[in-house]
Amino acid sequence: MSTEAHAEVIDLERSWRLHPQVSVRPEPFGALLYHFGTRKLSFLKDRRLLAVVEALPTQETARDACLASGVAEGELPRFGQALDALRRSEMLVEAAS
């Protein structure tokens, strides 16, 4: 068992996007994300998180995508954690500058 904590967290001040091999299927509960390269499946259990993921390509930063999707400033840490989980599972990648 590893005692190493995840030192990195997603930087909300950077631009992120879905990995090109990820497909999104909206569902009543949120969405399913499937990565065709890694064959990983992720569940988004919050429709606002789906809205954030969909807003990523149109916003300059992940913070902007969150705010544009109705996420309050006080909720940013929770949404940042959710986005970080997607980053760690290779669903999200940093957008090219």
N, C-alpha and C. Protein backbone atom coordinates (compact mmCIF):
# COMPACT_ATOMS: atom_id res chain seq x y z
N MET A 1 0.84 -1.17 0.00
CA MET A 1 0.00 0.00 0.00
C MET A 1 0.89 1.24 0.00
N SER A 2 0.62 2.13 -0.91
CA SER A 2 1.41 3.34 -1.02
C SER A 2 0.93 4.40 -0.04
N THR A 3 1.85 5.04 0.62
CA THR A 3 1.50 6.13 1.53
C THR A 3 1.69 7.47 0.84
N GLU A 4 2.07 7.43 -0.43
CA GLU A 4 2.32 8.65 -1.18
C GLU A 4 1.01 9.33 -1.52
N ALA A 5 0.86 10.57 -1.10
CA ALA A 5 -0.35 11.34 -1.40
C ALA A 5 -0.19 11.99 -2.77
N HIS A 6 -1.31 12.33 -3.37
CA HIS A 6 -1.28 13.05 -4.64
C HIS A 6 -0.87 14.48 -4.36
N ALA A 7 0.39 14.78 -4.63
CA ALA A 7 0.91 16.12 -4.35
C ALA A 7 0.35 17.12 -5.36
N GLU A 8 0.13 16.67 -6.57
CA GLU A 8 -0.39 17.56 -7.60
C GLU A 8 -1.90 17.63 -7.51
N VAL A 9 -2.42 18.78 -7.80
CA VAL A 9 -3.85 18.94 -7.99
C VAL A 9 -4.04 19.76 -9.25
N ILE A 10 -5.20 19.68 -9.83
CA ILE A 10 -5.44 20.41 -11.07
C ILE A 10 -5.33 21.91 -10.81
N ASP A 11 -4.74 22.60 -11.73
CA ASP A 11 -4.60 24.05 -11.65
C ASP A 11 -5.80 24.66 -12.37
N LEU A 12 -6.71 25.25 -11.61
CA LEU A 12 -7.91 25.83 -12.19
C LEU A 12 -7.62 27.07 -13.02
N GLU A 13 -6.40 27.59 -12.92
CA GLU A 13 -6.03 28.77 -13.70
C GLU A 13 -5.47 28.40 -15.07
N ARG A 14 -5.44 27.12 -15.37
CA ARG A 14 -4.97 26.65 -16.67
C ARG A 14 -6.15 26.19 -17.52
N SER A 15 -5.87 26.01 -18.79
CA SER A 15 -6.89 25.55 -19.74
C SER A 15 -6.81 24.03 -19.87
N TRP A 16 -7.95 23.37 -19.74
CA TRP A 16 -8.04 21.92 -19.83
C TRP A 16 -9.08 21.54 -20.87
N ARG A 17 -8.97 20.32 -21.36
CA ARG A 17 -9.95 19.80 -22.32
C ARG A 17 -10.04 18.30 -22.15
N LEU A 18 -11.09 17.74 -22.73
CA LEU A 18 -11.19 16.28 -22.72
C LEU A 18 -10.09 15.70 -23.61
N HIS A 19 -9.57 14.56 -23.21
CA HIS A 19 -8.61 13.85 -24.05
C HIS A 19 -9.32 13.54 -25.38
N PRO A 20 -8.61 13.62 -26.50
CA PRO A 20 -9.26 13.37 -27.80
C PRO A 20 -9.90 12.00 -27.93
N GLN A 21 -9.47 11.03 -27.12
CA GLN A 21 -10.04 9.69 -27.20
C GLN A 21 -11.18 9.47 -26.21
N VAL A 22 -11.68 10.54 -25.61
CA VAL A 22 -12.77 10.40 -24.63
C VAL A 22 -14.09 10.77 -25.27
N SER A 23 -15.06 9.91 -25.04
CA SER A 23 -16.41 10.14 -25.52
C SER A 23 -17.31 10.41 -24.31
N VAL A 24 -18.24 11.35 -24.47
CA VAL A 24 -19.16 11.72 -23.39
C VAL A 24 -20.57 11.30 -23.78
N ARG A 25 -21.23 10.60 -22.87
CA ARG A 25 -22.63 10.24 -23.08
C ARG A 25 -23.45 10.83 -21.93
N PRO A 26 -24.19 11.91 -22.19
CA PRO A 26 -25.04 12.48 -21.14
C PRO A 26 -26.08 11.47 -20.66
N GLU A 27 -26.33 11.50 -19.38
CA GLU A 27 -27.32 10.62 -18.74
C GLU A 27 -28.14 11.47 -17.78
N PRO A 28 -29.31 11.00 -17.35
CA PRO A 28 -30.12 11.77 -16.40
C PRO A 28 -29.38 12.12 -15.11
N PHE A 29 -28.47 11.26 -14.68
CA PHE A 29 -27.73 11.49 -13.44
C PHE A 29 -26.51 12.37 -13.64
N GLY A 30 -26.08 12.58 -14.87
CA GLY A 30 -24.86 13.32 -15.17
C GLY A 30 -24.33 12.90 -16.53
N ALA A 31 -23.33 12.01 -16.52
CA ALA A 31 -22.78 11.53 -17.79
C ALA A 31 -21.84 10.35 -17.56
N LEU A 32 -21.60 9.62 -18.63
CA LEU A 32 -20.58 8.59 -18.68
C LEU A 32 -19.47 9.09 -19.59
N LEU A 33 -18.24 8.93 -19.15
CA LEU A 33 -17.08 9.26 -19.98
C LEU A 33 -16.34 7.97 -20.24
N TYR A 34 -16.04 7.71 -21.49
CA TYR A 34 -15.29 6.50 -21.85
C TYR A 34 -14.05 6.91 -22.62
N HIS A 35 -12.91 6.40 -22.17
CA HIS A 35 -11.62 6.65 -22.82
C HIS A 35 -11.28 5.44 -23.68
N PHE A 36 -11.30 5.64 -25.00
CA PHE A 36 -11.06 4.53 -25.92
C PHE A 36 -9.63 4.03 -25.88
N GLY A 37 -8.69 4.87 -25.46
CA GLY A 37 -7.29 4.45 -25.38
C GLY A 37 -7.00 3.60 -24.15
N THR A 38 -7.49 4.04 -23.00
CA THR A 38 -7.20 3.31 -21.76
C THR A 38 -8.32 2.35 -21.37
N ARG A 39 -9.46 2.49 -22.02
CA ARG A 39 -10.66 1.69 -21.76
C ARG A 39 -11.24 1.96 -20.38
N LYS A 40 -10.94 3.13 -19.84
CA LYS A 40 -11.49 3.52 -18.53
C LYS A 40 -12.85 4.15 -18.72
N LEU A 41 -13.69 3.95 -17.72
CA LEU A 41 -15.03 4.53 -17.70
C LEU A 41 -15.14 5.38 -16.45
N SER A 42 -15.63 6.60 -16.61
CA SER A 42 -15.85 7.48 -15.46
C SER A 42 -17.29 7.93 -15.46
N PHE A 43 -17.83 8.10 -14.26
CA PHE A 43 -19.20 8.57 -14.08
C PHE A 43 -19.16 9.99 -13.55
N LEU A 44 -19.90 10.89 -14.18
CA LEU A 44 -20.10 12.22 -13.64
C LEU A 44 -21.46 12.20 -12.99
N LYS A 45 -21.50 12.34 -11.67
CA LYS A 45 -22.75 12.20 -10.93
C LYS A 45 -23.40 13.54 -10.63
N ASP A 46 -22.99 14.57 -11.34
CA ASP A 46 -23.52 15.91 -11.12
C ASP A 46 -23.65 16.57 -12.49
N ARG A 47 -24.85 17.00 -12.84
CA ARG A 47 -25.08 17.62 -14.15
C ARG A 47 -24.27 18.92 -14.30
N ARG A 48 -23.98 19.59 -13.19
CA ARG A 48 -23.16 20.80 -13.29
C ARG A 48 -21.72 20.44 -13.64
N LEU A 49 -21.23 19.31 -13.16
CA LEU A 49 -19.89 18.88 -13.55
C LEU A 49 -19.85 18.60 -15.05
N LEU A 50 -20.90 18.00 -15.58
CA LEU A 50 -20.99 17.80 -17.02
C LEU A 50 -20.95 19.15 -17.73
N ALA A 51 -21.69 20.13 -17.21
CA ALA A 51 -21.69 21.47 -17.81
C ALA A 51 -20.29 22.07 -17.79
N VAL A 52 -19.55 21.86 -16.70
CA VAL A 52 -18.18 22.36 -16.60
C VAL A 52 -17.30 21.70 -17.67
N VAL A 53 -17.38 20.39 -17.77
CA VAL A 53 -16.58 19.65 -18.75
C VAL A 53 -16.91 20.12 -20.17
N GLU A 54 -18.19 20.35 -20.44
CA GLU A 54 -18.58 20.82 -21.77
C GLU A 54 -18.14 22.25 -22.02
N ALA A 55 -17.99 23.05 -20.96
CA ALA A 55 -17.57 24.45 -21.12
C ALA A 55 -16.05 24.60 -21.23
N LEU A 56 -15.29 23.60 -20.88
CA LEU A 56 -13.83 23.72 -20.90
C LEU A 56 -13.27 24.23 -22.22
N PRO A 57 -13.73 23.73 -23.38
CA PRO A 57 -13.13 24.20 -24.64
C PRO A 57 -13.45 25.66 -24.97
N THR A 58 -14.49 26.21 -24.38
CA THR A 58 -14.91 27.56 -24.73
C THR A 58 -14.44 28.62 -23.73
N GLN A 59 -13.80 28.19 -22.65
CA GLN A 59 -13.36 29.11 -21.61
C GLN A 59 -11.83 29.10 -21.53
N GLU A 60 -11.27 30.21 -21.07
CA GLU A 60 -9.81 30.32 -20.99
C GLU A 60 -9.21 29.44 -19.91
N THR A 61 -9.92 29.27 -18.80
CA THR A 61 -9.40 28.46 -17.69
C THR A 61 -10.49 27.55 -17.16
N ALA A 62 -10.07 26.57 -16.37
CA ALA A 62 -11.04 25.68 -15.73
C ALA A 62 -11.89 26.46 -14.74
N ARG A 63 -11.30 27.44 -14.06
CA ARG A 63 -12.08 28.30 -13.15
C ARG A 63 -13.19 29.01 -13.92
N ASP A 64 -12.85 29.57 -15.09
CA ASP A 64 -13.85 30.24 -15.91
C ASP A 64 -14.96 29.28 -16.33
N ALA A 65 -14.59 28.04 -16.68
CA ALA A 65 -15.59 27.04 -17.07
C ALA A 65 -16.52 26.74 -15.90
N CYS A 66 -15.95 26.65 -14.71
CA CYS A 66 -16.78 26.39 -13.52
C CYS A 66 -17.75 27.55 -13.28
N LEU A 67 -17.24 28.76 -13.29
CA LEU A 67 -18.08 29.93 -13.01
C LEU A 67 -19.14 30.10 -14.09
N ALA A 68 -18.79 29.84 -15.36
CA ALA A 68 -19.75 29.95 -16.45
C ALA A 68 -20.85 28.89 -16.35
N SER A 69 -20.56 27.81 -15.63
CA SER A 69 -21.52 26.71 -15.47
C SER A 69 -22.34 26.83 -14.20
N GLY A 70 -22.21 27.96 -13.50
CA GLY A 70 -23.02 28.19 -12.31
C GLY A 70 -22.42 27.68 -11.02
N VAL A 71 -21.14 27.32 -11.03
CA VAL A 71 -20.47 26.88 -9.81
C VAL A 71 -20.08 28.12 -9.01
N ALA A 72 -20.47 28.17 -7.76
CA ALA A 72 -20.14 29.30 -6.89
C ALA A 72 -18.68 29.22 -6.45
N GLU A 73 -18.11 30.38 -6.12
CA GLU A 73 -16.71 30.43 -5.66
C GLU A 73 -16.46 29.43 -4.53
N GLY A 74 -17.38 29.33 -3.59
CA GLY A 74 -17.22 28.43 -2.46
C GLY A 74 -17.23 26.95 -2.83
N GLU A 75 -17.75 26.64 -4.01
CA GLU A 75 -17.80 25.25 -4.47
C GLU A 75 -16.59 24.87 -5.33
N LEU A 76 -15.75 25.84 -5.66
CA LEU A 76 -14.61 25.57 -6.54
C LEU A 76 -13.69 24.46 -6.02
N PRO A 77 -13.39 24.40 -4.70
CA PRO A 77 -12.53 23.30 -4.26
C PRO A 77 -13.11 21.92 -4.55
N ARG A 78 -14.42 21.76 -4.37
CA ARG A 78 -15.06 20.45 -4.63
C ARG A 78 -15.03 20.13 -6.11
N PHE A 79 -15.33 21.12 -6.95
CA PHE A 79 -15.30 20.88 -8.39
C PHE A 79 -13.86 20.70 -8.87
N GLY A 80 -12.92 21.40 -8.25
CA GLY A 80 -11.51 21.20 -8.58
C GLY A 80 -11.07 19.78 -8.29
N GLN A 81 -11.55 19.21 -7.18
CA GLN A 81 -11.23 17.82 -6.84
C GLN A 81 -11.80 16.87 -7.88
N ALA A 82 -13.03 17.14 -8.31
CA ALA A 82 -13.65 16.28 -9.33
C ALA A 82 -12.89 16.37 -10.65
N LEU A 83 -12.51 17.57 -11.05
CA LEU A 83 -11.74 17.73 -12.27
C LEU A 83 -10.36 17.09 -12.15
N ASP A 84 -9.77 17.16 -10.94
CA ASP A 84 -8.47 16.53 -10.73
C ASP A 84 -8.57 15.01 -10.86
N ALA A 85 -9.66 14.44 -10.39
CA ALA A 85 -9.86 12.99 -10.55
C ALA A 85 -9.93 12.64 -12.04
N LEU A 86 -10.58 13.48 -12.82
CA LEU A 86 -10.64 13.24 -14.27
C LEU A 86 -9.27 13.40 -14.90
N ARG A 87 -8.49 14.34 -14.41
CA ARG A 87 -7.12 14.52 -14.92
C ARG A 87 -6.26 13.29 -14.60
N ARG A 88 -6.35 12.82 -13.36
CA ARG A 88 -5.54 11.66 -12.96
C ARG A 88 -5.93 10.41 -13.73
N SER A 89 -7.19 10.30 -14.13
CA SER A 89 -7.63 9.12 -14.89
C SER A 89 -7.46 9.32 -16.40
N GLU A 90 -6.78 10.41 -16.78
CA GLU A 90 -6.44 10.71 -18.17
C GLU A 90 -7.65 11.08 -19.02
N MET A 91 -8.76 11.44 -18.38
CA MET A 91 -9.93 11.91 -19.13
C MET A 91 -9.71 13.36 -19.59
N LEU A 92 -9.03 14.15 -18.75
CA LEU A 92 -8.71 15.53 -19.08
C LEU A 92 -7.23 15.67 -19.33
N VAL A 93 -6.89 16.54 -20.26
CA VAL A 93 -5.49 16.87 -20.54
C VAL A 93 -5.40 18.39 -20.62
N GLU A 94 -4.21 18.90 -20.35
CA GLU A 94 -4.02 20.34 -20.46
C GLU A 94 -4.12 20.74 -21.93
N ALA A 95 -4.84 21.83 -22.17
CA ALA A 95 -4.99 22.31 -23.54
C ALA A 95 -3.68 22.93 -24.02
N ALA A 96 -3.40 22.73 -25.28
CA ALA A 96 -2.20 23.32 -25.85
C ALA A 96 -2.36 24.82 -25.92
N SER A 97 -1.29 25.53 -25.65
CA SER A 97 -1.33 27.01 -25.67
C SER A 97 -1.37 27.54 -27.07
